[in-house]
Structures are given as structure tokens and as C-alpha cells.
Amino acid sequence: MLLYLIVGIVAYLLGSIPFGLILVRIFRKQDIRQQGSGNIGATNVIRSGGKGLGAATFLLDAAKGFVAVLMAWQVALHTDQSQLQAQNLAATAALCAIVGHIYTVWLNFKGGKGVATGFGVFLGIAPLSALVALLAFIIMFALSRYVSLASIVAALVFPLAALLRHHEPLTPFMIAVVILLPVIVIAKHHANIRRLLAGTEYRFGKSKAAAA
């Protein structure tokens, strides 16, 4: 249990690093929480006029999720854990990294929606399935120009791809996390879902005046 606790805490702290806030504050001397939707994620950074910073935010947010899961696999390897125990450690890291991003301790337990960090942990758990989800995101975004809709579709695709194509037996905890993480990401998009249904969601490429 001590090993799981250590992995969980480290993964949470990694996930808690608010890269969007840090980058915008360093390079633009602004608080991203006071811009656009107020979210600290890559989408809001891009919408607020920082395409390069938005891309960097996405990569760093994804990297922290991937590193958290990779750390768990390495800990399992170096402590002679069984394959099933290794899966549970990786699932613990994945869950804690996402929770850390969404409820970061550094921002009064407020954070992002978990899309980029979710992609990172998905990449650490099931790389090919994560790439399938990324492809689904790209296709849906190209068709709709809605980042939120593309994110929701990708979140739905990942567990289906992971559970259908995985050749090794998965522990019940890993299966639960593979299903739970996309549910958390989708739930964080509840306001976007309401706007999509109402036809008021922001569409990329729309002018700021039209969006207003």
C-alpha cells in the first residue's frame, strides 16, 4: 500500500503542474484565468491569442500524464512487481495525474478539463488505442471545428479501442480506470455539452465578434 500511496502522490503532483498558467504568465505577463473561458488548458490559451503557447501547453500537459504512468511502470519493474500489480500501479498513476490536473493543489483545487493530460495517460496505458482516439479527435475537429465535441468523441473512443484490442488480461482496477477517466473528462465538459445542444458553443475559426 505504501508503494501505491507514493506513486499516487507523485502522479498527483505531476498532474497538478498548471503549465498553461505558467507559460502565459512567463511569456505574456497575464493570468490565463482572466482570459477567454478562464480555463488553464491549451484550448483557452490558443483562443486567447497564444497559438504557440497553446501548443506548448498541450504538449506539456500530455507529457506530465505520460511521465506519471511511465514512472509507475518503471517503479513496478524495479520493485519486481507482477504484471497485474504493475497494471494497478499504472492505473493508480493515471487516475491521480488526471485528478491532479483537474483539481490542482496549487490553484485552490481548480484546474483544467483533463483532455491533454488524459491523452498523455492514455498513451502511457495503451499507446495504439490513444493514437486511435487522437485520430478520432482530428477527424471530428476537422468536420465540426468544435474542440469540445472532438474531445468528447475521443474520450468515448479510447476505452472502446483499449478494451477491444488489448490482448493481455486487464485487472479489474485497470478496466475501471480505463472507463472512469473518459467519464471524468466528459463530465468536465458539461457546460460545453449544454452550449453544443443550444448551438452557442465556440467554433474555431469564428471571429471574436461573431462569438460574442
C-alpha atoms as a PDB file:
ATOM      1  CA  MET A   1       0.000   0.000   0.000  1.00  0.00           C
ATOM      2  CA  LEU A   2       2.885   2.360   0.720  1.00  0.00           C
ATOM      3  CA  LEU A   3       4.134   1.937  -2.844  1.00  0.00           C
ATOM      4  CA  TYR A   4       0.706   2.793  -4.254  1.00  0.00           C
ATOM      5  CA  LEU A   5       0.493   5.829  -1.973  1.00  0.00           C
ATOM      6  CA  ILE A   6       3.897   7.136  -3.107  1.00  0.00           C
ATOM      7  CA  VAL A   7       3.108   6.585  -6.795  1.00  0.00           C
ATOM      8  CA  GLY A   8      -0.290   8.240  -6.354  1.00  0.00           C
ATOM      9  CA  ILE A   9       1.105  11.318  -4.611  1.00  0.00           C
ATOM     10  CA  VAL A  10       3.907  11.819  -7.146  1.00  0.00           C
ATOM     11  CA  ALA A  11       1.472  11.357 -10.049  1.00  0.00           C
ATOM     12  CA  TYR A  12      -0.963  13.824  -8.485  1.00  0.00           C
ATOM     13  CA  LEU A  13       1.759  16.445  -8.024  1.00  0.00           C
ATOM     14  CA  LEU A  14       2.931  15.946 -11.620  1.00  0.00           C
ATOM     15  CA  GLY A  15      -0.626  16.323 -12.859  1.00  0.00           C
ATOM     16  CA  SER A  16      -1.076  19.427 -10.722  1.00  0.00           C
ATOM     17  CA  ILE A  17       1.551  21.490 -12.577  1.00  0.00           C
ATOM     18  CA  PRO A  18      -0.522  24.218 -14.326  1.00  0.00           C
ATOM     19  CA  PHE A  19       1.585  24.629 -17.453  1.00  0.00           C
ATOM     20  CA  GLY A  20      -0.927  26.875 -19.228  1.00  0.00           C
ATOM     21  CA  LEU A  21      -0.949  29.317 -16.341  1.00  0.00           C
ATOM     22  CA  ILE A  22       2.847  29.228 -16.000  1.00  0.00           C
ATOM     23  CA  LEU A  23       3.595  29.741 -19.707  1.00  0.00           C
ATOM     24  CA  VAL A  24       1.130  32.598 -20.175  1.00  0.00           C
ATOM     25  CA  ARG A  25       2.386  34.306 -17.034  1.00  0.00           C
ATOM     26  CA  ILE A  26       6.046  33.993 -18.107  1.00  0.00           C
ATOM     27  CA  PHE A  27       5.705  34.953 -21.757  1.00  0.00           C
ATOM     28  CA  ARG A  28       2.692  37.276 -21.789  1.00  0.00           C
ATOM     29  CA  LYS A  29       2.629  38.575 -18.205  1.00  0.00           C
ATOM     30  CA  GLN A  30      -1.075  37.652 -17.990  1.00  0.00           C
ATOM     31  CA  ASP A  31      -3.254  35.372 -15.912  1.00  0.00           C
ATOM     32  CA  ILE A  32      -4.931  32.901 -18.297  1.00  0.00           C
ATOM     33  CA  ARG A  33      -7.726  32.516 -15.736  1.00  0.00           C
ATOM     34  CA  GLN A  34      -8.719  36.092 -16.577  1.00  0.00           C
ATOM     35  CA  GLN A  35      -8.790  35.399 -20.328  1.00  0.00           C
ATOM     36  CA  GLY A  36     -11.441  33.764 -22.501  1.00  0.00           C
ATOM     37  CA  SER A  37     -13.195  30.916 -20.696  1.00  0.00           C
ATOM     38  CA  GLY A  38     -10.855  31.189 -17.702  1.00  0.00           C
ATOM     39  CA  ASN A  39      -9.656  27.616 -18.206  1.00  0.00           C
ATOM     40  CA  ILE A  40      -5.931  26.875 -17.838  1.00  0.00           C
ATOM     41  CA  GLY A  41      -5.861  24.347 -20.692  1.00  0.00           C
ATOM     42  CA  ALA A  42      -4.387  24.546 -24.179  1.00  0.00           C
ATOM     43  CA  THR A  43      -7.663  25.454 -25.914  1.00  0.00           C
ATOM     44  CA  ASN A  44      -8.170  28.614 -23.878  1.00  0.00           C
ATOM     45  CA  VAL A  45      -4.509  29.580 -24.290  1.00  0.00           C
ATOM     46  CA  ILE A  46      -4.925  29.317 -28.079  1.00  0.00           C
ATOM     47  CA  ARG A  47      -8.254  31.175 -28.070  1.00  0.00           C
ATOM     48  CA  SER A  48      -6.645  33.966 -26.069  1.00  0.00           C
ATOM     49  CA  GLY A  49      -4.173  34.574 -28.875  1.00  0.00           C
ATOM     50  CA  GLY A  50      -1.268  32.339 -27.946  1.00  0.00           C
ATOM     51  CA  LYS A  51      -1.116  29.588 -30.583  1.00  0.00           C
ATOM     52  CA  GLY A  52       2.491  28.706 -29.835  1.00  0.00           C
ATOM     53  CA  LEU A  53       1.882  28.793 -26.100  1.00  0.00           C
ATOM     54  CA  GLY A  54      -1.261  26.730 -26.602  1.00  0.00           C
ATOM     55  CA  ALA A  55       0.671  24.055 -28.481  1.00  0.00           C
ATOM     56  CA  ALA A  56       3.342  24.041 -25.764  1.00  0.00           C
ATOM     57  CA  THR A  57       0.640  23.786 -23.088  1.00  0.00           C
ATOM     58  CA  PHE A  58      -0.911  20.780 -24.808  1.00  0.00           C
ATOM     59  CA  LEU A  59       2.431  19.009 -25.175  1.00  0.00           C
ATOM     60  CA  LEU A  60       3.485  19.678 -21.581  1.00  0.00           C
ATOM     61  CA  ASP A  61       0.102  18.717 -20.144  1.00  0.00           C
ATOM     62  CA  ALA A  62       0.176  15.491 -22.163  1.00  0.00           C
ATOM     63  CA  ALA A  63       3.794  14.874 -21.147  1.00  0.00           C
ATOM     64  CA  LYS A  64       3.051  15.099 -17.426  1.00  0.00           C
ATOM     65  CA  GLY A  65       0.331  12.473 -17.764  1.00  0.00           C
ATOM     66  CA  PHE A  66       2.569  10.201 -19.818  1.00  0.00           C
ATOM     67  CA  VAL A  67       5.512  10.623 -17.431  1.00  0.00           C
ATOM     68  CA  ALA A  68       3.299   9.826 -14.431  1.00  0.00           C
ATOM     69  CA  VAL A  69       2.233   6.499 -15.961  1.00  0.00           C
ATOM     70  CA  LEU A  70       5.715   5.732 -17.260  1.00  0.00           C
ATOM     71  CA  MET A  71       7.069   6.334 -13.754  1.00  0.00           C
ATOM     72  CA  ALA A  72       4.601   3.789 -12.389  1.00  0.00           C
ATOM     73  CA  TRP A  73       5.651   1.157 -14.940  1.00  0.00           C
ATOM     74  CA  GLN A  74       9.302   1.763 -14.060  1.00  0.00           C
ATOM     75  CA  VAL A  75       8.645   1.544 -10.332  1.00  0.00           C
ATOM     76  CA  ALA A  76       6.859  -1.761 -10.891  1.00  0.00           C
ATOM     77  CA  LEU A  77       9.779  -3.038 -12.977  1.00  0.00           C
ATOM     78  CA  HIS A  78      12.424  -2.073 -10.428  1.00  0.00           C
ATOM     79  CA  THR A  79      10.487  -3.440  -7.445  1.00  0.00           C
ATOM     80  CA  ASP A  80       9.784  -6.802  -9.093  1.00  0.00           C
ATOM     81  CA  GLN A  81       6.028  -6.379  -9.194  1.00  0.00           C
ATOM     82  CA  SER A  82       3.909  -8.872 -11.134  1.00  0.00           C
ATOM     83  CA  GLN A  83       2.310  -7.819 -14.424  1.00  0.00           C
ATOM     84  CA  LEU A  84      -1.051  -7.434 -12.728  1.00  0.00           C
ATOM     85  CA  GLN A  85       0.444  -5.360  -9.905  1.00  0.00           C
ATOM     86  CA  ALA A  86       2.232  -3.218 -12.496  1.00  0.00           C
ATOM     87  CA  GLN A  87      -1.099  -2.570 -14.206  1.00  0.00           C
ATOM     88  CA  ASN A  88      -2.635  -1.461 -10.937  1.00  0.00           C
ATOM     89  CA  LEU A  89       0.272   0.888 -10.242  1.00  0.00           C
ATOM     90  CA  ALA A  90      -0.039   2.380 -13.736  1.00  0.00           C
ATOM     91  CA  ALA A  91      -3.793   2.760 -13.297  1.00  0.00           C
ATOM     92  CA  THR A  92      -3.206   4.495  -9.949  1.00  0.00           C
ATOM     93  CA  ALA A  93      -0.780   6.932 -11.552  1.00  0.00           C
ATOM     94  CA  ALA A  94      -3.160   7.600 -14.451  1.00  0.00           C
ATOM     95  CA  LEU A  95      -6.091   8.355 -12.174  1.00  0.00           C
ATOM     96  CA  CYS A  96      -4.069  10.552  -9.807  1.00  0.00           C
ATOM     97  CA  ALA A  97      -2.459  12.531 -12.649  1.00  0.00           C
ATOM     98  CA  ILE A  98      -5.879  13.356 -14.117  1.00  0.00           C
ATOM     99  CA  VAL A  99      -7.257  14.300 -10.702  1.00  0.00           C
ATOM    100  CA  GLY A 100      -4.181  16.459 -10.128  1.00  0.00           C
ATOM    101  CA  HIS A 101      -4.747  18.341 -13.382  1.00  0.00           C
ATOM    102  CA  ILE A 102      -8.447  18.906 -12.782  1.00  0.00           C
ATOM    103  CA  TYR A 103      -8.130  19.670  -9.063  1.00  0.00           C
ATOM    104  CA  THR A 104      -4.654  21.133  -8.734  1.00  0.00           C
ATOM    105  CA  VAL A 105      -3.499  21.843  -5.215  1.00  0.00           C
ATOM    106  CA  TRP A 106      -1.692  24.992  -6.401  1.00  0.00           C
ATOM    107  CA  LEU A 107      -4.910  26.686  -7.638  1.00  0.00           C
ATOM    108  CA  ASN A 108      -7.310  26.022  -4.768  1.00  0.00           C
ATOM    109  CA  PHE A 109      -8.187  22.655  -6.297  1.00  0.00           C
ATOM    110  CA  LYS A 110      -9.357  24.152  -9.584  1.00  0.00           C
ATOM    111  CA  GLY A 111      -7.779  23.266 -12.913  1.00  0.00           C
ATOM    112  CA  GLY A 112      -8.377  22.138 -16.471  1.00  0.00           C
ATOM    113  CA  LYS A 113     -10.674  19.611 -18.128  1.00  0.00           C
ATOM    114  CA  GLY A 114      -8.127  16.844 -18.490  1.00  0.00           C
ATOM    115  CA  VAL A 115      -8.057  16.426 -22.271  1.00  0.00           C
ATOM    116  CA  ALA A 116      -4.311  16.807 -22.907  1.00  0.00           C
ATOM    117  CA  THR A 117      -3.329  15.093 -19.655  1.00  0.00           C
ATOM    118  CA  GLY A 118      -5.853  12.373 -20.452  1.00  0.00           C
ATOM    119  CA  PHE A 119      -4.196  11.810 -23.808  1.00  0.00           C
ATOM    120  CA  GLY A 120      -0.845  11.523 -22.028  1.00  0.00           C
ATOM    121  CA  VAL A 121      -2.035   8.913 -19.557  1.00  0.00           C
ATOM    122  CA  PHE A 122      -3.879   7.045 -22.326  1.00  0.00           C
ATOM    123  CA  LEU A 123      -0.620   6.995 -24.263  1.00  0.00           C
ATOM    124  CA  GLY A 124       1.097   5.505 -21.228  1.00  0.00           C
ATOM    125  CA  ILE A 125      -1.597   2.852 -20.682  1.00  0.00           C
ATOM    126  CA  ALA A 126      -2.413   1.794 -24.258  1.00  0.00           C
ATOM    127  CA  PRO A 127      -0.397   3.694 -26.899  1.00  0.00           C
ATOM    128  CA  LEU A 128      -2.145   2.402 -30.029  1.00  0.00           C
ATOM    129  CA  SER A 129      -5.590   2.977 -28.553  1.00  0.00           C
ATOM    130  CA  ALA A 130      -4.555   6.516 -27.590  1.00  0.00           C
ATOM    131  CA  LEU A 131      -3.497   7.160 -31.191  1.00  0.00           C
ATOM    132  CA  VAL A 132      -6.852   5.827 -32.410  1.00  0.00           C
ATOM    133  CA  ALA A 133      -8.549   8.288 -30.041  1.00  0.00           C
ATOM    134  CA  LEU A 134      -6.304  11.086 -31.348  1.00  0.00           C
ATOM    135  CA  LEU A 135      -7.308  10.211 -34.908  1.00  0.00           C
ATOM    136  CA  ALA A 136     -10.969  10.365 -33.871  1.00  0.00           C
ATOM    137  CA  PHE A 137     -10.312  13.808 -32.347  1.00  0.00           C
ATOM    138  CA  ILE A 138      -8.658  15.078 -35.523  1.00  0.00           C
ATOM    139  CA  ILE A 139     -11.462  13.804 -37.758  1.00  0.00           C
ATOM    140  CA  MET A 140     -14.238  15.198 -35.587  1.00  0.00           C
ATOM    141  CA  PHE A 141     -12.494  18.543 -35.195  1.00  0.00           C
ATOM    142  CA  ALA A 142     -11.916  18.790 -38.952  1.00  0.00           C
ATOM    143  CA  LEU A 143     -15.605  18.105 -39.573  1.00  0.00           C
ATOM    144  CA  SER A 144     -17.108  20.249 -36.817  1.00  0.00           C
ATOM    145  CA  ARG A 145     -14.433  22.768 -35.707  1.00  0.00           C
ATOM    146  CA  TYR A 146     -15.605  22.163 -32.127  1.00  0.00           C
ATOM    147  CA  VAL A 147     -12.721  21.242 -29.803  1.00  0.00           C
ATOM    148  CA  SER A 148     -15.142  20.201 -27.073  1.00  0.00           C
ATOM    149  CA  LEU A 149     -17.078  17.828 -29.340  1.00  0.00           C
ATOM    150  CA  ALA A 150     -13.853  16.347 -30.713  1.00  0.00           C
ATOM    151  CA  SER A 151     -12.575  15.854 -27.151  1.00  0.00           C
ATOM    152  CA  ILE A 152     -15.768  14.101 -26.090  1.00  0.00           C
ATOM    153  CA  VAL A 153     -15.681  11.781 -29.110  1.00  0.00           C
ATOM    154  CA  ALA A 154     -12.014  10.948 -28.473  1.00  0.00           C
ATOM    155  CA  ALA A 155     -12.804  10.219 -24.824  1.00  0.00           C
ATOM    156  CA  LEU A 156     -15.528   7.803 -25.917  1.00  0.00           C
ATOM    157  CA  VAL A 157     -13.320   6.088 -28.492  1.00  0.00           C
ATOM    158  CA  PHE A 158     -10.351   5.386 -26.201  1.00  0.00           C
ATOM    159  CA  PRO A 159     -11.936   2.890 -23.771  1.00  0.00           C
ATOM    160  CA  LEU A 160     -13.629   1.061 -26.636  1.00  0.00           C
ATOM    161  CA  ALA A 161     -10.345   0.747 -28.518  1.00  0.00           C
ATOM    162  CA  ALA A 162      -8.380  -0.161 -25.385  1.00  0.00           C
ATOM    163  CA  LEU A 163     -10.772  -2.854 -24.190  1.00  0.00           C
ATOM    164  CA  LEU A 164     -11.443  -4.363 -27.620  1.00  0.00           C
ATOM    165  CA  ARG A 165      -7.879  -4.652 -28.836  1.00  0.00           C
ATOM    166  CA  HIS A 166      -5.990  -5.377 -25.608  1.00  0.00           C
ATOM    167  CA  HIS A 167      -4.521  -8.896 -25.842  1.00  0.00           C
ATOM    168  CA  GLU A 168      -3.378  -9.243 -22.215  1.00  0.00           C
ATOM    169  CA  PRO A 169      -5.804  -9.771 -19.327  1.00  0.00           C
ATOM    170  CA  LEU A 170      -6.549  -6.494 -17.580  1.00  0.00           C
ATOM    171  CA  THR A 171      -7.034  -6.191 -13.844  1.00  0.00           C
ATOM    172  CA  PRO A 172     -10.482  -5.052 -12.672  1.00  0.00           C
ATOM    173  CA  PHE A 173      -8.902  -1.826 -11.387  1.00  0.00           C
ATOM    174  CA  MET A 174      -7.269  -1.077 -14.757  1.00  0.00           C
ATOM    175  CA  ILE A 175     -10.571  -1.722 -16.545  1.00  0.00           C
ATOM    176  CA  ALA A 176     -12.345   0.578 -14.099  1.00  0.00           C
ATOM    177  CA  VAL A 177      -9.776   3.351 -14.644  1.00  0.00           C
ATOM    178  CA  VAL A 178      -9.867   2.958 -18.450  1.00  0.00           C
ATOM    179  CA  ILE A 179     -13.626   3.525 -18.275  1.00  0.00           C
ATOM    180  CA  LEU A 180     -13.630   6.102 -15.466  1.00  0.00           C
ATOM    181  CA  LEU A 181     -11.061   8.517 -16.901  1.00  0.00           C
ATOM    182  CA  PRO A 182     -13.043   9.268 -20.087  1.00  0.00           C
ATOM    183  CA  VAL A 183     -16.182   9.659 -17.960  1.00  0.00           C
ATOM    184  CA  ILE A 184     -14.382  12.273 -15.845  1.00  0.00           C
ATOM    185  CA  VAL A 185     -13.158  14.143 -18.938  1.00  0.00           C
ATOM    186  CA  ILE A 186     -16.656  14.128 -20.480  1.00  0.00           C
ATOM    187  CA  ALA A 187     -18.246  15.227 -17.197  1.00  0.00           C
ATOM    188  CA  LYS A 188     -15.872  18.218 -17.077  1.00  0.00           C
ATOM    189  CA  HIS A 189     -17.343  19.257 -20.447  1.00  0.00           C
ATOM    190  CA  HIS A 190     -20.887  19.545 -19.049  1.00  0.00           C
ATOM    191  CA  ALA A 191     -21.066  23.271 -19.791  1.00  0.00           C
ATOM    192  CA  ASN A 192     -19.747  22.690 -23.325  1.00  0.00           C
ATOM    193  CA  ILE A 193     -22.372  19.988 -23.871  1.00  0.00           C
ATOM    194  CA  ARG A 194     -25.119  22.416 -22.871  1.00  0.00           C
ATOM    195  CA  ARG A 195     -23.742  25.026 -25.288  1.00  0.00           C
ATOM    196  CA  LEU A 196     -23.433  22.436 -28.072  1.00  0.00           C
ATOM    197  CA  LEU A 197     -27.081  21.475 -27.603  1.00  0.00           C
ATOM    198  CA  ALA A 198     -28.064  25.151 -27.522  1.00  0.00           C
ATOM    199  CA  GLY A 199     -25.958  25.951 -30.589  1.00  0.00           C
ATOM    200  CA  THR A 200     -23.877  28.545 -28.724  1.00  0.00           C
ATOM    201  CA  GLU A 201     -20.592  26.661 -28.355  1.00  0.00           C
ATOM    202  CA  TYR A 202     -17.470  28.440 -29.657  1.00  0.00           C
ATOM    203  CA  ARG A 203     -16.375  27.103 -33.042  1.00  0.00           C
ATOM    204  CA  PHE A 204     -12.724  27.524 -34.040  1.00  0.00           C
ATOM    205  CA  GLY A 205     -12.351  29.878 -36.961  1.00  0.00           C
ATOM    206  CA  LYS A 206     -15.291  32.037 -35.891  1.00  0.00           C
ATOM    207  CA  SER A 207     -14.427  35.687 -35.430  1.00  0.00           C
ATOM    208  CA  LYS A 208     -14.336  37.038 -31.891  1.00  0.00           C
ATOM    209  CA  ALA A 209     -17.118  39.466 -32.755  1.00  0.00           C
ATOM    210  CA  ALA A 210     -19.324  36.648 -34.045  1.00  0.00           C
ATOM    211  CA  ALA A 211     -18.527  34.530 -30.996  1.00  0.00           C
ATOM    212  CA  ALA A 212     -19.556  37.387 -28.735  1.00  0.00           C
END
